[in-house]
N, C-alpha and C. Protein backbone atom coordinates (compact mmCIF):
# COMPACT_ATOMS: atom_id res chain seq x y z
N UNK A 1 -6.03 5.54 10.37
CA UNK A 1 -4.87 5.14 9.61
C UNK A 1 -3.59 5.80 10.10
N UNK A 2 -3.71 7.08 10.50
CA UNK A 2 -2.51 7.77 10.96
C UNK A 2 -1.95 7.11 12.21
N UNK A 3 -2.79 6.54 13.03
CA UNK A 3 -2.34 5.88 14.25
C UNK A 3 -1.59 4.58 13.92
N UNK A 4 -2.07 3.87 12.94
CA UNK A 4 -1.43 2.61 12.58
C UNK A 4 -0.06 2.81 11.97
N UNK A 5 0.12 3.88 11.24
CA UNK A 5 1.40 4.11 10.59
C UNK A 5 2.58 4.08 11.53
N UNK A 6 2.61 4.91 12.58
CA UNK A 6 3.75 4.89 13.51
C UNK A 6 3.87 3.56 14.25
N UNK A 7 2.76 2.94 14.58
CA UNK A 7 2.81 1.66 15.30
C UNK A 7 3.42 0.58 14.42
N UNK A 8 2.96 0.51 13.19
CA UNK A 8 3.50 -0.49 12.27
C UNK A 8 4.98 -0.21 12.01
N UNK A 9 5.33 1.04 11.83
CA UNK A 9 6.73 1.40 11.61
C UNK A 9 7.58 0.99 12.80
N UNK A 10 7.09 1.22 14.00
CA UNK A 10 7.85 0.84 15.19
C UNK A 10 8.03 -0.67 15.25
N UNK A 11 6.99 -1.43 14.93
CA UNK A 11 7.10 -2.89 14.94
C UNK A 11 8.08 -3.37 13.88
N UNK A 12 8.04 -2.78 12.71
CA UNK A 12 8.96 -3.18 11.65
C UNK A 12 10.40 -2.86 12.01
N UNK A 13 10.62 -1.77 12.68
CA UNK A 13 11.97 -1.42 13.11
C UNK A 13 12.45 -2.35 14.22
N UNK A 14 11.56 -2.76 15.09
CA UNK A 14 11.93 -3.62 16.21
C UNK A 14 12.15 -5.07 15.76
N UNK A 15 11.48 -5.51 14.73
CA UNK A 15 11.56 -6.91 14.28
C UNK A 15 12.98 -7.38 14.01
N UNK A 16 13.80 -6.61 13.29
CA UNK A 16 15.17 -7.09 13.06
C UNK A 16 15.97 -7.25 14.35
N UNK A 17 15.70 -6.44 15.35
CA UNK A 17 16.41 -6.56 16.62
C UNK A 17 16.09 -7.89 17.29
N UNK A 18 14.86 -8.29 17.23
CA UNK A 18 14.46 -9.56 17.83
C UNK A 18 15.05 -10.71 17.03
N UNK A 19 14.99 -10.64 15.73
CA UNK A 19 15.47 -11.73 14.87
C UNK A 19 16.99 -11.91 14.98
N UNK A 20 17.72 -10.84 15.22
CA UNK A 20 19.17 -10.93 15.26
C UNK A 20 19.71 -11.30 16.63
N UNK A 21 18.87 -11.25 17.65
CA UNK A 21 19.34 -11.61 18.98
C UNK A 21 19.80 -13.06 18.99
N UNK A 22 21.03 -13.28 19.38
CA UNK A 22 21.56 -14.64 19.47
C UNK A 22 21.00 -15.29 20.73
N UNK A 23 20.83 -16.60 20.69
CA UNK A 23 20.34 -17.27 21.90
C UNK A 23 21.34 -17.10 23.04
N UNK A 24 20.83 -17.02 24.23
CA UNK A 24 21.69 -16.86 25.41
C UNK A 24 22.40 -18.17 25.69
N UNK A 25 23.68 -18.12 25.87
CA UNK A 25 24.49 -19.30 26.17
C UNK A 25 24.82 -19.32 27.65
N UNK A 26 25.10 -20.50 28.16
CA UNK A 26 25.47 -20.65 29.56
C UNK A 26 26.83 -19.99 29.81
N UNK A 27 27.10 -19.72 31.06
CA UNK A 27 28.40 -19.13 31.42
C UNK A 27 29.54 -20.07 31.04
N UNK A 28 29.34 -21.37 31.23
CA UNK A 28 30.38 -22.33 30.86
C UNK A 28 30.62 -22.32 29.36
N UNK A 29 29.57 -22.29 28.56
CA UNK A 29 29.72 -22.26 27.11
C UNK A 29 30.45 -20.97 26.70
N UNK A 30 30.03 -19.86 27.28
CA UNK A 30 30.68 -18.58 26.96
C UNK A 30 32.15 -18.58 27.34
N UNK A 31 32.49 -19.18 28.46
CA UNK A 31 33.86 -19.19 28.94
C UNK A 31 34.76 -20.15 28.16
N UNK A 32 34.27 -21.36 27.89
CA UNK A 32 35.13 -22.40 27.35
C UNK A 32 34.88 -22.79 25.90
N UNK A 33 33.71 -22.51 25.38
CA UNK A 33 33.35 -23.05 24.06
C UNK A 33 33.32 -22.01 22.94
N UNK A 34 32.85 -20.82 23.26
CA UNK A 34 32.62 -19.81 22.22
C UNK A 34 33.88 -19.46 21.44
N UNK A 35 35.03 -19.44 22.09
CA UNK A 35 36.25 -19.03 21.41
C UNK A 35 36.50 -19.87 20.14
N UNK A 36 36.17 -21.13 20.18
CA UNK A 36 36.37 -22.00 19.01
C UNK A 36 35.08 -22.30 18.26
N UNK A 37 34.03 -22.63 19.00
CA UNK A 37 32.78 -23.05 18.36
C UNK A 37 31.87 -21.88 18.02
N UNK A 38 32.12 -20.71 18.57
CA UNK A 38 31.28 -19.55 18.31
C UNK A 38 29.98 -19.62 19.09
N UNK A 39 29.31 -18.49 19.21
CA UNK A 39 28.05 -18.44 19.95
C UNK A 39 26.98 -19.29 19.27
N UNK A 40 27.05 -19.39 17.95
CA UNK A 40 26.05 -20.18 17.23
C UNK A 40 26.43 -21.65 17.11
N UNK A 41 27.65 -22.02 17.55
CA UNK A 41 28.09 -23.40 17.52
C UNK A 41 28.65 -23.88 16.19
N UNK A 42 28.73 -23.00 15.21
CA UNK A 42 29.15 -23.40 13.86
C UNK A 42 30.66 -23.41 13.65
N UNK A 43 31.42 -22.99 14.63
CA UNK A 43 32.89 -23.00 14.58
C UNK A 43 33.46 -22.10 13.49
N UNK A 44 32.79 -21.01 13.20
CA UNK A 44 33.27 -20.06 12.20
C UNK A 44 34.11 -18.95 12.84
N UNK A 45 34.80 -19.26 13.90
CA UNK A 45 35.67 -18.28 14.55
C UNK A 45 37.10 -18.47 14.04
N UNK A 46 37.91 -17.47 14.25
CA UNK A 46 39.31 -17.58 13.82
C UNK A 46 40.00 -18.76 14.51
N UNK A 47 39.80 -18.86 15.82
CA UNK A 47 40.42 -19.95 16.58
C UNK A 47 39.83 -21.31 16.17
N UNK A 48 38.53 -21.33 15.95
CA UNK A 48 37.88 -22.56 15.52
C UNK A 48 38.40 -23.06 14.18
N UNK A 49 38.63 -22.13 13.28
CA UNK A 49 39.17 -22.51 11.96
C UNK A 49 40.60 -23.01 12.08
N UNK A 50 41.39 -22.37 12.95
CA UNK A 50 42.78 -22.81 13.16
C UNK A 50 42.84 -24.23 13.69
N UNK A 51 41.93 -24.53 14.63
CA UNK A 51 41.97 -25.83 15.30
C UNK A 51 41.08 -26.88 14.66
N UNK A 52 40.35 -26.50 13.62
CA UNK A 52 39.45 -27.46 12.99
C UNK A 52 38.32 -27.86 13.92
N UNK A 53 37.79 -26.89 14.64
CA UNK A 53 36.71 -27.17 15.60
C UNK A 53 35.47 -27.70 14.89
N UNK A 54 34.75 -28.53 15.58
CA UNK A 54 33.54 -29.17 15.07
C UNK A 54 32.39 -28.18 14.98
N UNK A 55 31.60 -28.27 13.91
CA UNK A 55 30.35 -27.53 13.79
C UNK A 55 29.32 -28.28 14.63
N UNK A 56 29.00 -27.74 15.79
CA UNK A 56 28.11 -28.41 16.72
C UNK A 56 26.65 -28.40 16.29
N UNK A 57 26.34 -27.65 15.24
CA UNK A 57 24.95 -27.58 14.76
C UNK A 57 24.65 -28.68 13.75
N UNK A 58 25.63 -29.46 13.37
CA UNK A 58 25.46 -30.50 12.36
C UNK A 58 24.68 -31.68 12.94
N UNK A 59 23.41 -31.78 12.56
CA UNK A 59 22.53 -32.82 13.11
C UNK A 59 22.99 -34.22 12.72
N UNK A 60 23.56 -34.38 11.52
CA UNK A 60 24.04 -35.71 11.11
C UNK A 60 25.18 -36.16 12.01
N UNK A 61 26.12 -35.26 12.30
CA UNK A 61 27.21 -35.61 13.21
C UNK A 61 26.66 -35.92 14.60
N UNK A 62 25.76 -35.06 15.09
CA UNK A 62 25.22 -35.26 16.43
C UNK A 62 24.53 -36.63 16.56
N UNK A 63 23.92 -37.09 15.48
CA UNK A 63 23.24 -38.39 15.52
C UNK A 63 24.23 -39.54 15.66
N UNK A 64 25.50 -39.29 15.36
CA UNK A 64 26.51 -40.36 15.42
C UNK A 64 27.25 -40.42 16.75
N UNK A 65 27.04 -39.44 17.63
CA UNK A 65 27.76 -39.43 18.90
C UNK A 65 26.80 -39.51 20.08
N UNK A 66 27.21 -40.26 21.08
CA UNK A 66 26.39 -40.41 22.29
C UNK A 66 26.68 -39.27 23.26
N UNK A 67 25.78 -39.11 24.22
CA UNK A 67 26.01 -38.12 25.28
C UNK A 67 27.29 -38.47 26.04
N UNK A 68 27.51 -39.76 26.24
CA UNK A 68 28.71 -40.21 26.94
C UNK A 68 29.98 -39.78 26.20
N UNK A 69 29.97 -39.90 24.89
CA UNK A 69 31.12 -39.48 24.09
C UNK A 69 31.33 -37.97 24.21
N UNK A 70 30.24 -37.20 24.17
CA UNK A 70 30.36 -35.75 24.31
C UNK A 70 30.90 -35.39 25.69
N UNK A 71 30.39 -36.06 26.71
CA UNK A 71 30.89 -35.81 28.07
C UNK A 71 32.38 -36.12 28.15
N UNK A 72 32.80 -37.22 27.54
CA UNK A 72 34.21 -37.59 27.54
C UNK A 72 35.08 -36.57 26.82
N UNK A 73 34.58 -36.07 25.69
CA UNK A 73 35.34 -35.07 24.94
C UNK A 73 35.51 -33.79 25.73
N UNK A 74 34.46 -33.38 26.41
CA UNK A 74 34.54 -32.16 27.22
C UNK A 74 35.46 -32.40 28.42
N UNK A 75 35.34 -33.55 29.04
CA UNK A 75 36.12 -33.85 30.24
C UNK A 75 37.60 -34.05 29.94
N UNK A 76 37.90 -34.90 28.95
CA UNK A 76 39.29 -35.28 28.67
C UNK A 76 39.90 -34.60 27.45
N UNK A 77 39.09 -33.88 26.69
CA UNK A 77 39.57 -33.27 25.47
C UNK A 77 39.52 -34.26 24.32
N UNK A 78 39.73 -33.77 23.11
CA UNK A 78 39.72 -34.62 21.93
C UNK A 78 40.43 -33.87 20.82
N UNK A 79 41.35 -34.54 20.15
CA UNK A 79 42.14 -33.90 19.09
C UNK A 79 42.74 -32.60 19.63
N UNK A 80 42.40 -31.46 19.02
CA UNK A 80 42.97 -30.19 19.47
C UNK A 80 42.12 -29.51 20.54
N UNK A 81 41.01 -30.13 20.92
CA UNK A 81 40.16 -29.56 21.97
C UNK A 81 40.77 -29.88 23.34
N UNK A 82 40.95 -28.84 24.16
CA UNK A 82 41.52 -29.09 25.50
C UNK A 82 40.53 -29.79 26.43
N UNK A 83 41.06 -30.38 27.48
CA UNK A 83 40.25 -31.02 28.51
C UNK A 83 39.73 -29.96 29.48
N UNK A 84 38.47 -30.12 29.88
CA UNK A 84 37.87 -29.18 30.83
C UNK A 84 37.41 -29.87 32.10
N UNK A 85 37.78 -31.13 32.29
CA UNK A 85 37.35 -31.90 33.45
C UNK A 85 37.79 -31.33 34.78
N UNK A 86 38.89 -30.58 34.81
CA UNK A 86 39.36 -29.98 36.06
C UNK A 86 38.79 -28.59 36.28
N UNK A 87 38.14 -28.05 35.25
CA UNK A 87 37.59 -26.70 35.35
C UNK A 87 36.08 -26.71 35.54
N UNK A 88 35.43 -27.80 35.15
CA UNK A 88 33.98 -27.88 35.20
C UNK A 88 33.52 -29.03 36.09
N UNK A 89 32.39 -28.84 36.74
CA UNK A 89 31.81 -29.93 37.53
C UNK A 89 31.10 -30.91 36.60
N UNK A 90 30.79 -32.09 37.12
CA UNK A 90 30.05 -33.08 36.34
C UNK A 90 28.70 -32.51 35.89
N UNK A 91 28.06 -31.73 36.73
CA UNK A 91 26.77 -31.12 36.39
C UNK A 91 26.93 -30.11 35.24
N UNK A 92 28.00 -29.31 35.29
CA UNK A 92 28.25 -28.35 34.21
C UNK A 92 28.51 -29.07 32.89
N UNK A 93 29.23 -30.17 32.95
CA UNK A 93 29.53 -30.93 31.74
C UNK A 93 28.25 -31.51 31.16
N UNK A 94 27.39 -32.07 31.99
CA UNK A 94 26.10 -32.60 31.52
C UNK A 94 25.25 -31.48 30.92
N UNK A 95 25.28 -30.30 31.54
CA UNK A 95 24.53 -29.16 31.02
C UNK A 95 25.08 -28.72 29.67
N UNK A 96 26.41 -28.77 29.51
CA UNK A 96 27.01 -28.43 28.22
C UNK A 96 26.60 -29.42 27.14
N UNK A 97 26.53 -30.70 27.49
CA UNK A 97 26.08 -31.70 26.53
C UNK A 97 24.66 -31.37 26.07
N UNK A 98 23.78 -31.02 26.99
CA UNK A 98 22.41 -30.64 26.64
C UNK A 98 22.41 -29.39 25.76
N UNK A 99 23.28 -28.45 26.07
CA UNK A 99 23.37 -27.22 25.28
C UNK A 99 23.87 -27.53 23.87
N UNK A 100 24.86 -28.39 23.76
CA UNK A 100 25.35 -28.81 22.43
C UNK A 100 24.22 -29.48 21.66
N UNK A 101 23.48 -30.35 22.31
CA UNK A 101 22.35 -31.03 21.65
C UNK A 101 21.33 -30.02 21.14
N UNK A 102 21.09 -28.96 21.90
CA UNK A 102 20.10 -27.97 21.49
C UNK A 102 20.53 -27.20 20.25
N UNK A 103 21.82 -27.15 20.00
CA UNK A 103 22.32 -26.42 18.82
C UNK A 103 21.85 -27.05 17.51
N UNK A 104 21.81 -28.37 17.46
CA UNK A 104 21.35 -29.06 16.24
C UNK A 104 19.85 -28.94 16.09
N UNK A 105 19.13 -28.89 17.20
CA UNK A 105 17.67 -28.80 17.15
C UNK A 105 17.21 -27.44 16.67
N UNK A 106 18.04 -26.42 16.85
CA UNK A 106 17.64 -25.07 16.46
C UNK A 106 18.01 -24.73 15.02
N UNK A 107 18.62 -25.67 14.30
CA UNK A 107 19.01 -25.39 12.91
C UNK A 107 18.39 -26.33 11.95
């Protein structure tokens, strides 16, 4: 029993660290998206609130937009969202669309 005590205690202490780790985002997402949409995609950042950024985790909204629409928004901008078509390659934009899609699947 004495052996299990420290082991169990160590596991219990480590568990919150694992649970709180945010998913790793791509370099493009970190550079261009996090400032408004946040690492979790919920747009609860100061800049996101100022600009009315979209909650990318909203599965109902995601069901209403096509990948083509998301690519267009990233490329040309939309409302207060700036255009990133000159900063990102077509492959990076497609990867961001996939990353945005994954945000709704994880919530």
